[in-house]
Amino acid sequence: MKKILLATTNKGKFNDVKEILKDLDVEILSFLDFDDYPNVEETGSTFLENAELKCKVAFEKYGIPSFGDDSGLEAFQLNGEPGIYSARYAGENADDESNNLKLIAKLSKLPEPHPGRFVCAAVYYDGNEFKSAIGEVRGNIIKSPRGNNGFGYDPLFIPNGFNITTAEMSHKEKNKISHRLNAFKELKKFL
């Protein structure tokens, strides 16, 4: 069975991708399957640059075809913040709750609604060339967290056409509409 390494230690992201690609005859690994995984610094200025960097580092270290995924939330009223800094919006070692609180504090000063989008840049690298896809889901950001599923900004995001947050959706429901699904669905065409 072919192996593909997802260059992440984020269990939520790993589970999302594994679910999306479950119909392929591949074994999906993550950095957590290795004792000596690299800490990839996200020095790119876009989601796509960061995703390329992650899968290139993973391939160079392990020699396994790799996926890189960089994703985040963009609040339109905040000129795209937190954007590529989504995971460390409230600081380098910030957790989901502190990132959410910082976003709520910034949006609280602005009139509602708070439109935004989740964006995912997904990249596949086999040592020869990069294949990439961008997925997004648009919606509104709320100021009171709702739901216990998911991770990151899920408790604050209501996708267009829904009245519940992505944290109130089951894993399966969320994966039917997610930005990550949209990106990896495109990438599947290259495998």
Protein backbone atom coordinates (compact mmCIF):
# COMPACT_ATOMS: atom_id res chain seq x y z
CA MET A 1 0.00 0.00 0.00
CA LYS A 2 1.29 3.43 -0.93
CA LYS A 3 2.15 5.73 1.96
CA ILE A 4 1.67 9.49 2.02
CA LEU A 5 2.92 11.66 4.85
CA LEU A 6 0.77 14.57 6.00
CA ALA A 7 3.26 17.12 7.34
CA THR A 8 1.46 17.97 10.57
CA THR A 9 1.28 17.21 14.28
CA ASN A 10 -2.28 18.58 14.41
CA LYS A 11 -4.54 15.61 15.21
CA GLY A 12 -7.69 17.44 14.09
CA LYS A 13 -6.20 18.22 10.70
CA PHE A 14 -4.88 14.65 10.38
CA ASN A 15 -8.30 13.16 11.16
CA ASP A 16 -9.98 15.47 8.65
CA VAL A 17 -7.59 14.49 5.85
CA LYS A 18 -7.76 10.79 6.70
CA GLU A 19 -11.56 10.92 6.51
CA ILE A 20 -11.52 12.82 3.20
CA LEU A 21 -9.08 10.37 1.58
CA LYS A 22 -10.50 7.16 3.07
CA ASP A 23 -11.63 5.85 -0.33
CA LEU A 24 -8.05 5.84 -1.67
CA ASP A 25 -5.80 2.82 -1.31
CA VAL A 26 -3.16 4.75 0.66
CA GLU A 27 -1.91 4.82 4.21
CA ILE A 28 -1.88 8.36 5.57
CA LEU A 29 0.87 9.06 8.10
CA SER A 30 1.56 12.20 10.12
CA PHE A 31 4.66 13.58 11.81
CA LEU A 32 3.38 11.94 15.00
CA ASP A 33 4.27 8.56 13.47
CA PHE A 34 7.96 9.49 13.78
CA ASP A 35 10.09 10.19 16.84
CA ASP A 36 12.30 12.75 15.16
CA TYR A 37 9.86 14.88 13.21
CA PRO A 38 10.95 18.35 12.11
CA ASN A 39 9.48 21.58 13.40
CA VAL A 40 8.63 23.35 10.15
CA GLU A 41 8.72 27.12 10.49
CA GLU A 42 5.91 28.73 8.54
CA THR A 43 7.93 31.49 6.91
CA GLY A 44 5.76 31.83 3.79
CA SER A 45 3.61 34.87 3.16
CA THR A 46 0.64 32.83 1.91
CA PHE A 47 -1.15 29.62 2.85
CA LEU A 48 0.19 28.05 -0.36
CA GLU A 49 3.83 28.94 0.36
CA ASN A 50 3.56 27.47 3.86
CA ALA A 51 1.92 24.27 2.58
CA GLU A 52 4.68 23.82 -0.02
CA LEU A 53 7.33 24.37 2.62
CA LYS A 54 5.80 21.74 4.92
CA CYS A 55 5.58 18.98 2.34
CA LYS A 56 9.03 19.73 0.92
CA VAL A 57 10.63 19.46 4.38
CA ALA A 58 8.69 16.24 5.04
CA PHE A 59 9.75 14.66 1.76
CA GLU A 60 13.38 15.66 2.19
CA LYS A 61 13.50 14.22 5.72
CA TYR A 62 11.66 10.93 5.14
CA GLY A 63 11.62 10.32 1.36
CA ILE A 64 7.87 9.69 1.46
CA PRO A 65 5.49 11.51 -0.91
CA SER A 66 3.97 14.21 1.26
CA PHE A 67 1.00 16.48 1.74
CA GLY A 68 1.37 19.95 3.14
CA ASP A 69 -1.68 21.78 4.41
CA ASP A 70 -1.82 25.31 5.64
CA SER A 71 -5.16 26.68 6.55
CA GLY A 72 -6.83 29.30 8.62
CA LEU A 73 -9.62 31.76 9.08
CA GLU A 74 -9.81 35.14 7.39
CA ALA A 75 -12.09 37.83 8.83
CA PHE A 76 -12.87 40.26 6.03
CA GLN A 77 -13.41 43.21 8.40
CA LEU A 78 -9.90 42.63 9.76
CA ASN A 79 -8.22 42.60 6.34
CA GLY A 80 -7.89 38.82 6.41
CA GLU A 81 -6.69 38.38 10.00
CA PRO A 82 -5.83 36.01 11.51
CA GLY A 83 -4.96 34.48 8.12
CA ILE A 84 -1.63 32.64 7.96
CA TYR A 85 -1.17 33.41 11.66
CA SER A 86 -4.37 31.56 12.65
CA ALA A 87 -2.61 28.96 14.82
CA ARG A 88 -0.50 31.57 16.63
CA TYR A 89 -2.78 34.60 16.48
CA ALA A 90 -2.59 35.23 20.24
CA GLY A 91 1.12 34.40 20.41
CA GLU A 92 3.64 31.73 19.51
CA ASN A 93 2.36 29.13 22.02
CA ALA A 94 -1.29 30.15 21.90
CA ASP A 95 -4.06 27.58 22.22
CA ASP A 96 -7.42 27.57 20.42
CA GLU A 97 -9.19 29.35 23.26
CA SER A 98 -6.75 32.26 23.44
CA ASN A 99 -6.78 32.64 19.64
CA ASN A 100 -10.58 32.70 19.69
CA LEU A 101 -10.65 35.26 22.49
CA LYS A 102 -8.30 37.58 20.62
CA LEU A 103 -10.46 37.36 17.49
CA ILE A 104 -13.65 38.00 19.49
CA ALA A 105 -12.06 41.05 21.13
CA LYS A 106 -11.10 42.53 17.76
CA LEU A 107 -14.46 41.82 16.13
CA SER A 108 -16.40 43.17 19.13
CA LYS A 109 -15.35 46.68 18.12
CA LEU A 110 -16.88 46.29 14.66
CA PRO A 111 -20.49 46.20 13.41
CA GLU A 112 -22.12 42.84 12.70
CA PRO A 113 -22.22 40.70 10.65
CA HIS A 114 -18.62 39.53 10.58
CA PRO A 115 -18.14 37.78 7.23
CA GLY A 116 -15.13 35.59 6.68
CA ARG A 117 -13.86 32.38 5.23
CA PHE A 118 -11.88 29.32 6.11
CA VAL A 119 -9.10 28.73 3.56
CA CYS A 120 -7.02 25.61 2.99
CA ALA A 121 -4.03 25.33 0.70
CA ALA A 122 -3.20 21.67 0.12
CA VAL A 123 -0.04 20.57 -1.65
CA TYR A 124 1.27 17.18 -2.75
CA TYR A 125 4.99 16.69 -3.36
CA ASP A 126 6.64 13.50 -4.58
CA GLY A 127 10.17 14.82 -4.97
CA ASN A 128 9.62 15.90 -8.56
CA GLU A 129 6.84 18.45 -8.64
CA PHE A 130 4.29 20.22 -6.48
CA LYS A 131 0.57 19.76 -7.11
CA SER A 132 -1.67 22.19 -5.27
CA ALA A 133 -5.29 23.11 -4.66
CA ILE A 134 -7.06 25.80 -2.68
CA GLY A 135 -10.35 25.22 -0.89
CA GLU A 136 -12.54 27.64 0.98
CA VAL A 137 -15.85 27.89 2.76
CA ARG A 138 -17.47 31.26 3.41
CA GLY A 139 -19.66 32.24 6.31
CA ASN A 140 -19.94 34.49 9.33
CA ILE A 141 -17.88 34.71 12.48
CA ILE A 142 -19.80 34.98 15.75
CA LYS A 143 -18.63 36.41 19.07
CA SER A 144 -19.91 33.68 21.40
CA PRO A 145 -18.39 30.22 20.93
CA ARG A 146 -20.86 27.40 20.26
CA GLY A 147 -20.25 23.68 20.02
CA ASN A 148 -17.64 21.21 21.22
CA ASN A 149 -16.63 19.42 18.03
CA GLY A 150 -13.79 20.36 15.75
CA PHE A 151 -10.86 22.56 16.67
CA GLY A 152 -9.42 26.00 16.08
CA TYR A 153 -12.01 28.61 15.17
CA ASP A 154 -14.81 26.08 14.57
CA PRO A 155 -16.86 27.32 17.58
CA LEU A 156 -16.99 30.82 16.03
CA PHE A 157 -17.76 30.03 12.38
CA ILE A 158 -21.20 29.56 10.82
CA PRO A 159 -20.92 28.51 7.16
CA ASN A 160 -23.23 30.20 4.66
CA GLY A 161 -26.49 28.27 4.40
CA PHE A 162 -26.30 26.95 7.98
CA ASN A 163 -27.41 28.22 11.38
CA ILE A 164 -24.94 26.19 13.42
CA THR A 165 -21.19 26.54 13.84
CA THR A 166 -18.76 24.02 12.43
CA ALA A 167 -18.12 23.00 16.07
CA GLU A 168 -21.81 22.06 16.38
CA MET A 169 -21.58 19.80 13.33
CA SER A 170 -20.52 16.19 13.49
CA HIS A 171 -17.12 15.39 12.04
CA LYS A 172 -18.87 13.83 9.05
CA GLU A 173 -21.15 16.87 8.49
CA LYS A 174 -18.24 19.28 8.68
CA ASN A 175 -16.16 17.25 6.24
CA LYS A 176 -18.95 17.44 3.65
CA ILE A 177 -18.53 21.21 3.35
CA SER A 178 -15.09 22.03 4.72
CA HIS A 179 -12.36 24.09 3.13
CA ARG A 180 -10.04 21.13 3.63
CA LEU A 181 -12.46 18.82 1.80
CA ASN A 182 -12.62 21.23 -1.13
CA ALA A 183 -8.83 21.42 -1.39
CA PHE A 184 -8.06 17.72 -0.91
CA LYS A 185 -10.86 16.68 -3.28
CA GLU A 186 -8.96 18.56 -5.99
CA LEU A 187 -5.63 17.05 -4.93
CA LYS A 188 -7.06 13.51 -5.12
CA LYS A 189 -7.14 13.91 -8.91
CA PHE A 190 -3.33 13.87 -8.96
CA LEU A 191 -2.92 10.65 -6.97
